């Protein structure tokens, strides 16, 4: 099992990009198959310290997209839309299993303030 972690920006942030062995691949010299990752868990953490007096402090939202190779990020591949995450909370996406192939990626976009970190756990299959 492997993990990948990123700080989430308020622009497109690639949480994970499955390597594409066919970039620069010469079929005459290699029969390398496509790479596949089984995503087991995605966790998004709001790192802002909670303020019990002003619970809205640090509240932020995010979107997440599962983007197929050579396709743009769009509403068609959005799987999380404007999810509110209070300060000090963690959202876990683990009830659905996702398999990504070469060139596919998970894109996450946070809102301001930029106080989110995201971690994905995956296995190569």
N, C-alpha and C. Protein backbone atom coordinates (compact mmCIF):
# COMPACT_ATOMS: atom_id res chain seq x y z
N UNK A 1 0.85 -1.16 0.00
CA UNK A 1 0.00 0.00 0.00
C UNK A 1 0.90 1.23 0.00
N UNK A 2 0.42 2.27 -0.69
CA UNK A 2 1.16 3.52 -0.77
C UNK A 2 0.23 4.67 -0.39
N UNK A 3 0.83 5.79 0.00
CA UNK A 3 0.03 6.98 0.27
C UNK A 3 0.66 8.17 -0.45
N UNK A 4 -0.19 9.14 -0.71
CA UNK A 4 0.26 10.39 -1.31
C UNK A 4 -0.50 11.51 -0.60
N UNK A 5 0.21 12.57 -0.21
CA UNK A 5 -0.42 13.67 0.50
C UNK A 5 -0.07 15.00 -0.18
N UNK A 6 -1.04 15.94 -0.16
CA UNK A 6 -0.82 17.26 -0.73
C UNK A 6 -1.51 18.31 0.14
N UNK A 7 -1.00 19.53 0.05
CA UNK A 7 -1.72 20.68 0.59
C UNK A 7 -2.67 21.13 -0.52
N UNK A 8 -3.93 21.33 -0.18
CA UNK A 8 -4.94 21.66 -1.18
C UNK A 8 -4.96 23.16 -1.42
N UNK A 9 -4.83 23.54 -2.67
CA UNK A 9 -4.85 24.96 -3.04
C UNK A 9 -6.26 25.34 -3.50
N UNK A 10 -6.45 26.64 -3.75
CA UNK A 10 -7.75 27.06 -4.27
C UNK A 10 -7.73 27.09 -5.80
N UNK A 11 -6.79 26.37 -6.38
CA UNK A 11 -6.75 26.06 -7.80
C UNK A 11 -6.64 24.55 -7.92
N UNK A 12 -6.73 24.02 -9.12
CA UNK A 12 -6.67 22.57 -9.29
C UNK A 12 -5.40 22.00 -8.65
N UNK A 13 -5.59 21.02 -7.78
CA UNK A 13 -4.48 20.34 -7.12
C UNK A 13 -4.60 18.86 -7.43
N UNK A 14 -3.60 18.28 -8.08
CA UNK A 14 -3.63 16.85 -8.35
C UNK A 14 -3.30 16.10 -7.06
N UNK A 15 -4.28 15.37 -6.56
CA UNK A 15 -4.06 14.55 -5.37
C UNK A 15 -3.23 13.33 -5.76
N UNK A 16 -3.56 12.76 -6.89
CA UNK A 16 -2.77 11.64 -7.41
C UNK A 16 -2.93 11.60 -8.92
N UNK A 17 -1.86 11.30 -9.59
CA UNK A 17 -1.84 11.13 -11.04
C UNK A 17 -1.21 9.78 -11.30
N UNK A 18 -1.96 8.89 -11.94
CA UNK A 18 -1.44 7.55 -12.21
C UNK A 18 -0.39 7.67 -13.32
N UNK A 19 0.81 7.16 -13.09
CA UNK A 19 1.86 7.27 -14.10
C UNK A 19 1.42 6.64 -15.42
N UNK A 20 1.86 7.25 -16.51
CA UNK A 20 1.50 6.76 -17.83
C UNK A 20 2.75 6.16 -18.47
N UNK A 21 2.85 4.83 -18.47
CA UNK A 21 4.05 4.20 -19.02
C UNK A 21 4.15 4.34 -20.53
N UNK A 22 3.07 4.80 -21.17
CA UNK A 22 3.08 4.91 -22.62
C UNK A 22 3.64 6.23 -23.10
N UNK A 23 3.87 7.18 -22.19
CA UNK A 23 4.53 8.41 -22.57
C UNK A 23 5.98 8.07 -22.86
N UNK A 24 6.40 8.25 -24.07
CA UNK A 24 7.76 7.90 -24.47
C UNK A 24 7.97 6.40 -24.59
N UNK A 25 6.89 5.63 -24.64
CA UNK A 25 6.97 4.17 -24.69
C UNK A 25 7.15 3.71 -26.13
N UNK A 26 8.06 2.78 -26.32
CA UNK A 26 8.30 2.20 -27.64
C UNK A 26 7.86 0.74 -27.60
N UNK A 27 6.73 0.41 -28.26
CA UNK A 27 6.23 -0.97 -28.21
C UNK A 27 7.20 -2.00 -28.79
N UNK A 28 8.16 -1.54 -29.60
CA UNK A 28 9.14 -2.46 -30.16
C UNK A 28 10.14 -2.93 -29.11
N UNK A 29 10.30 -2.16 -28.04
CA UNK A 29 11.31 -2.51 -27.04
C UNK A 29 10.71 -2.93 -25.70
N UNK A 30 9.40 -2.74 -25.52
CA UNK A 30 8.80 -3.08 -24.23
C UNK A 30 7.32 -3.42 -24.39
N UNK A 31 6.87 -4.40 -23.63
CA UNK A 31 5.44 -4.74 -23.64
C UNK A 31 4.79 -4.33 -22.32
N UNK A 32 5.24 -3.22 -21.79
CA UNK A 32 4.79 -2.74 -20.48
C UNK A 32 3.27 -2.50 -20.48
N UNK A 33 2.54 -3.13 -19.55
CA UNK A 33 1.09 -2.94 -19.48
C UNK A 33 0.74 -1.61 -18.82
N UNK A 34 -0.52 -1.16 -18.96
CA UNK A 34 -0.92 0.06 -18.27
C UNK A 34 -0.85 -0.12 -16.75
N UNK A 35 -0.70 1.00 -16.06
CA UNK A 35 -0.65 1.00 -14.60
C UNK A 35 -2.07 1.22 -14.08
N UNK A 36 -2.44 0.50 -13.03
CA UNK A 36 -3.76 0.67 -12.41
C UNK A 36 -3.56 0.83 -10.91
N UNK A 37 -4.27 1.81 -10.34
CA UNK A 37 -4.26 2.03 -8.90
C UNK A 37 -5.67 1.81 -8.37
N UNK A 38 -5.78 1.02 -7.32
CA UNK A 38 -7.04 0.87 -6.60
C UNK A 38 -6.98 1.85 -5.43
N UNK A 39 -7.87 2.82 -5.44
CA UNK A 39 -7.93 3.83 -4.38
C UNK A 39 -8.73 3.23 -3.23
N UNK A 40 -8.12 3.15 -2.06
CA UNK A 40 -8.81 2.55 -0.92
C UNK A 40 -9.44 3.59 0.00
N UNK A 41 -8.75 4.72 0.18
CA UNK A 41 -9.25 5.76 1.08
C UNK A 41 -8.72 7.12 0.65
N UNK A 42 -9.58 8.13 0.77
CA UNK A 42 -9.15 9.51 0.60
C UNK A 42 -9.59 10.26 1.86
N UNK A 43 -8.66 10.98 2.47
CA UNK A 43 -8.98 11.76 3.66
C UNK A 43 -8.63 13.22 3.39
N UNK A 44 -9.55 14.11 3.73
CA UNK A 44 -9.32 15.54 3.59
C UNK A 44 -9.46 16.14 4.98
N UNK A 45 -8.40 16.82 5.44
CA UNK A 45 -8.35 17.35 6.80
C UNK A 45 -8.32 18.88 6.76
N UNK A 46 -9.17 19.50 7.57
CA UNK A 46 -9.14 20.95 7.74
C UNK A 46 -8.19 21.21 8.91
N UNK A 47 -7.02 21.77 8.61
CA UNK A 47 -5.97 21.94 9.61
C UNK A 47 -6.12 23.19 10.47
N UNK A 48 -7.14 23.97 10.21
CA UNK A 48 -7.39 25.19 11.00
C UNK A 48 -7.74 24.78 12.42
N UNK A 49 -7.21 25.49 13.40
CA UNK A 49 -7.49 25.20 14.82
C UNK A 49 -8.91 25.69 15.13
N UNK A 50 -9.78 24.82 15.65
CA UNK A 50 -11.15 25.23 15.95
C UNK A 50 -11.21 26.36 16.98
N UNK A 51 -12.16 27.25 16.78
CA UNK A 51 -12.40 28.36 17.71
C UNK A 51 -13.80 28.17 18.28
N UNK A 52 -13.94 27.74 19.54
CA UNK A 52 -15.25 27.46 20.11
C UNK A 52 -16.14 28.70 20.20
N UNK A 53 -15.55 29.88 20.20
CA UNK A 53 -16.33 31.12 20.27
C UNK A 53 -16.89 31.48 18.89
N UNK A 54 -16.11 31.26 17.85
CA UNK A 54 -16.53 31.56 16.47
C UNK A 54 -16.35 30.29 15.64
N UNK A 55 -17.35 29.41 15.67
CA UNK A 55 -17.24 28.11 15.00
C UNK A 55 -17.08 28.23 13.49
N UNK A 56 -17.45 29.37 12.91
CA UNK A 56 -17.30 29.56 11.46
C UNK A 56 -15.86 29.86 11.05
N UNK A 57 -15.00 30.20 12.01
CA UNK A 57 -13.59 30.45 11.71
C UNK A 57 -12.97 29.20 11.10
N UNK A 58 -12.33 29.36 9.97
CA UNK A 58 -11.66 28.24 9.33
C UNK A 58 -12.54 27.33 8.51
N UNK A 59 -13.85 27.57 8.50
CA UNK A 59 -14.76 26.76 7.68
C UNK A 59 -14.37 26.92 6.22
N UNK A 60 -14.23 25.82 5.53
CA UNK A 60 -13.88 25.88 4.10
C UNK A 60 -14.62 24.79 3.35
N UNK A 61 -14.62 24.88 2.04
CA UNK A 61 -15.30 23.90 1.19
C UNK A 61 -14.30 23.36 0.16
N UNK A 62 -14.67 22.23 -0.43
CA UNK A 62 -13.85 21.70 -1.52
C UNK A 62 -14.69 20.89 -2.49
N UNK A 63 -14.17 20.76 -3.70
CA UNK A 63 -14.72 19.91 -4.75
C UNK A 63 -13.68 18.84 -5.05
N UNK A 64 -14.13 17.68 -5.52
CA UNK A 64 -13.20 16.64 -5.94
C UNK A 64 -13.70 16.02 -7.24
N UNK A 65 -12.76 15.76 -8.15
CA UNK A 65 -13.07 15.20 -9.46
C UNK A 65 -12.23 13.95 -9.69
N UNK A 66 -12.83 12.95 -10.34
CA UNK A 66 -12.10 11.78 -10.83
C UNK A 66 -11.99 11.97 -12.33
N UNK A 67 -10.80 12.32 -12.80
CA UNK A 67 -10.62 12.75 -14.19
C UNK A 67 -9.93 11.66 -14.99
N UNK A 68 -10.61 11.22 -16.05
CA UNK A 68 -10.08 10.20 -16.94
C UNK A 68 -9.00 10.80 -17.83
N UNK A 69 -8.05 9.98 -18.20
CA UNK A 69 -6.94 10.38 -19.07
C UNK A 69 -7.44 11.20 -20.26
N UNK A 70 -6.76 12.32 -20.51
CA UNK A 70 -7.01 13.20 -21.65
C UNK A 70 -8.37 13.91 -21.60
N UNK A 71 -9.06 13.88 -20.47
CA UNK A 71 -10.32 14.61 -20.33
C UNK A 71 -10.10 15.79 -19.40
N UNK A 72 -10.87 16.87 -19.58
CA UNK A 72 -10.74 18.02 -18.67
C UNK A 72 -11.54 17.80 -17.39
N UNK A 73 -11.17 18.51 -16.36
CA UNK A 73 -11.96 18.54 -15.13
C UNK A 73 -13.27 19.26 -15.48
N UNK A 74 -14.40 18.68 -15.07
CA UNK A 74 -15.70 19.28 -15.41
C UNK A 74 -16.75 18.81 -14.42
N UNK A 75 -17.96 19.33 -14.56
CA UNK A 75 -19.06 18.88 -13.71
C UNK A 75 -19.39 17.41 -13.97
N UNK A 76 -19.06 16.91 -15.13
CA UNK A 76 -19.34 15.51 -15.48
C UNK A 76 -18.55 14.54 -14.61
N UNK A 77 -17.32 14.91 -14.21
CA UNK A 77 -16.51 13.98 -13.41
C UNK A 77 -16.35 14.44 -11.96
N UNK A 78 -17.23 15.36 -11.54
CA UNK A 78 -17.20 15.83 -10.15
C UNK A 78 -17.89 14.80 -9.26
N UNK A 79 -17.21 14.39 -8.19
CA UNK A 79 -17.79 13.41 -7.26
C UNK A 79 -18.10 14.03 -5.89
N UNK A 80 -17.50 15.18 -5.59
CA UNK A 80 -17.83 15.93 -4.38
C UNK A 80 -17.99 17.38 -4.79
N UNK A 81 -19.10 17.98 -4.38
CA UNK A 81 -19.42 19.35 -4.78
C UNK A 81 -19.62 20.24 -3.56
N UNK A 82 -18.74 21.19 -3.37
CA UNK A 82 -18.83 22.22 -2.33
C UNK A 82 -19.14 21.60 -0.96
N UNK A 83 -18.33 20.63 -0.57
CA UNK A 83 -18.48 20.00 0.74
C UNK A 83 -17.89 20.91 1.80
N UNK A 84 -18.69 21.30 2.79
CA UNK A 84 -18.21 22.16 3.89
C UNK A 84 -17.47 21.31 4.91
N UNK A 85 -16.30 21.80 5.29
CA UNK A 85 -15.49 21.10 6.28
C UNK A 85 -15.09 22.08 7.37
N UNK A 86 -15.66 21.94 8.57
CA UNK A 86 -15.33 22.85 9.68
C UNK A 86 -13.89 22.68 10.15
N UNK A 87 -13.38 23.69 10.81
CA UNK A 87 -12.02 23.66 11.37
C UNK A 87 -11.84 22.43 12.25
N UNK A 88 -10.69 21.76 12.09
CA UNK A 88 -10.37 20.62 12.93
C UNK A 88 -11.03 19.31 12.53
N UNK A 89 -11.83 19.30 11.48
CA UNK A 89 -12.56 18.09 11.06
C UNK A 89 -11.84 17.41 9.90
N UNK A 90 -12.12 16.10 9.74
CA UNK A 90 -11.58 15.31 8.63
C UNK A 90 -12.72 14.60 7.94
N UNK A 91 -12.74 14.68 6.61
CA UNK A 91 -13.71 13.96 5.78
C UNK A 91 -13.02 12.73 5.22
N UNK A 92 -13.70 11.58 5.29
CA UNK A 92 -13.14 10.33 4.78
C UNK A 92 -14.01 9.79 3.66
N UNK A 93 -13.39 9.52 2.52
CA UNK A 93 -14.05 8.96 1.35
C UNK A 93 -13.53 7.54 1.22
N UNK A 94 -14.26 6.57 1.81
CA UNK A 94 -13.76 5.19 1.81
C UNK A 94 -14.83 4.14 1.59
N UNK A 95 -16.06 4.55 1.36
CA UNK A 95 -17.12 3.56 1.16
C UNK A 95 -17.20 3.08 -0.27
N UNK A 96 -16.63 3.83 -1.21
CA UNK A 96 -16.60 3.43 -2.61
C UNK A 96 -15.16 3.16 -3.01
N UNK A 97 -14.95 2.11 -3.75
CA UNK A 97 -13.60 1.81 -4.25
C UNK A 97 -13.53 2.29 -5.69
N UNK A 98 -12.41 2.88 -6.03
CA UNK A 98 -12.20 3.47 -7.34
C UNK A 98 -10.92 2.88 -7.92
N UNK A 99 -10.95 2.53 -9.21
CA UNK A 99 -9.74 2.07 -9.89
C UNK A 99 -9.40 3.09 -10.97
N UNK A 100 -8.19 3.61 -10.90
CA UNK A 100 -7.69 4.56 -11.89
C UNK A 100 -6.67 3.85 -12.76
N UNK A 101 -6.65 4.23 -14.05
CA UNK A 101 -5.68 3.66 -14.98
C UNK A 101 -4.70 4.73 -15.42
N UNK A 102 -3.70 4.32 -16.16
CA UNK A 102 -2.65 5.22 -16.64
C UNK A 102 -3.21 6.54 -17.15
N UNK A 103 -2.67 7.64 -16.60
CA UNK A 103 -3.08 8.97 -17.03
C UNK A 103 -4.28 9.54 -16.31
N UNK A 104 -5.04 8.71 -15.57
CA UNK A 104 -6.19 9.19 -14.79
C UNK A 104 -5.67 9.94 -13.57
N UNK A 105 -6.50 10.80 -13.00
CA UNK A 105 -6.07 11.53 -11.82
C UNK A 105 -7.26 11.93 -10.94
N UNK A 106 -6.94 12.24 -9.71
CA UNK A 106 -7.91 12.81 -8.77
C UNK A 106 -7.51 14.26 -8.58
N UNK A 107 -8.46 15.16 -8.85
CA UNK A 107 -8.21 16.60 -8.71
C UNK A 107 -9.09 17.12 -7.58
N UNK A 108 -8.49 17.89 -6.69
CA UNK A 108 -9.22 18.49 -5.57
C UNK A 108 -8.99 19.99 -5.61
N UNK A 109 -10.05 20.75 -5.36
CA UNK A 109 -9.97 22.21 -5.37
C UNK A 109 -10.59 22.71 -4.07
N UNK A 110 -9.80 23.43 -3.30
CA UNK A 110 -10.29 23.98 -2.04
C UNK A 110 -10.76 25.41 -2.21
N UNK A 111 -11.44 25.88 -1.21
CA UNK A 111 -11.91 27.26 -1.16
C UNK A 111 -10.95 28.03 -0.24
N UNK A 112 -11.18 29.30 -0.13
CA UNK A 112 -10.39 30.11 0.77
C UNK A 112 -11.05 30.06 2.15
N UNK A 113 -10.37 29.98 3.24
CA UNK A 113 -8.91 29.93 3.34
C UNK A 113 -8.38 28.58 2.90
N UNK A 114 -7.13 28.56 2.47
CA UNK A 114 -6.51 27.31 2.01
C UNK A 114 -5.89 26.60 3.21
N UNK A 115 -6.72 25.83 3.89
CA UNK A 115 -6.29 25.16 5.11
C UNK A 115 -6.63 23.68 5.09
N UNK A 116 -6.59 23.09 3.89
CA UNK A 116 -6.91 21.68 3.76
C UNK A 116 -5.67 20.90 3.35
N UNK A 117 -5.58 19.69 3.87
CA UNK A 117 -4.59 18.74 3.38
C UNK A 117 -5.36 17.49 2.97
N UNK A 118 -4.86 16.80 1.98
CA UNK A 118 -5.54 15.60 1.49
C UNK A 118 -4.54 14.46 1.38
N UNK A 119 -4.99 13.27 1.73
CA UNK A 119 -4.15 12.07 1.65
C UNK A 119 -4.96 10.98 0.96
N UNK A 120 -4.31 10.28 0.05
CA UNK A 120 -4.95 9.14 -0.62
C UNK A 120 -4.11 7.92 -0.35
N UNK A 121 -4.79 6.81 -0.09
CA UNK A 121 -4.15 5.51 0.10
C UNK A 121 -4.54 4.66 -1.11
N UNK A 122 -3.54 3.97 -1.70
CA UNK A 122 -3.84 3.21 -2.91
C UNK A 122 -2.92 2.00 -3.02
N UNK A 123 -3.35 1.07 -3.86
CA UNK A 123 -2.59 -0.13 -4.17
C UNK A 123 -2.44 -0.23 -5.68
N UNK A 124 -1.28 -0.63 -6.14
CA UNK A 124 -1.13 -0.88 -7.57
C UNK A 124 -1.71 -2.27 -7.86
N UNK A 125 -2.60 -2.35 -8.84
CA UNK A 125 -3.24 -3.63 -9.19
C UNK A 125 -2.94 -4.03 -10.61
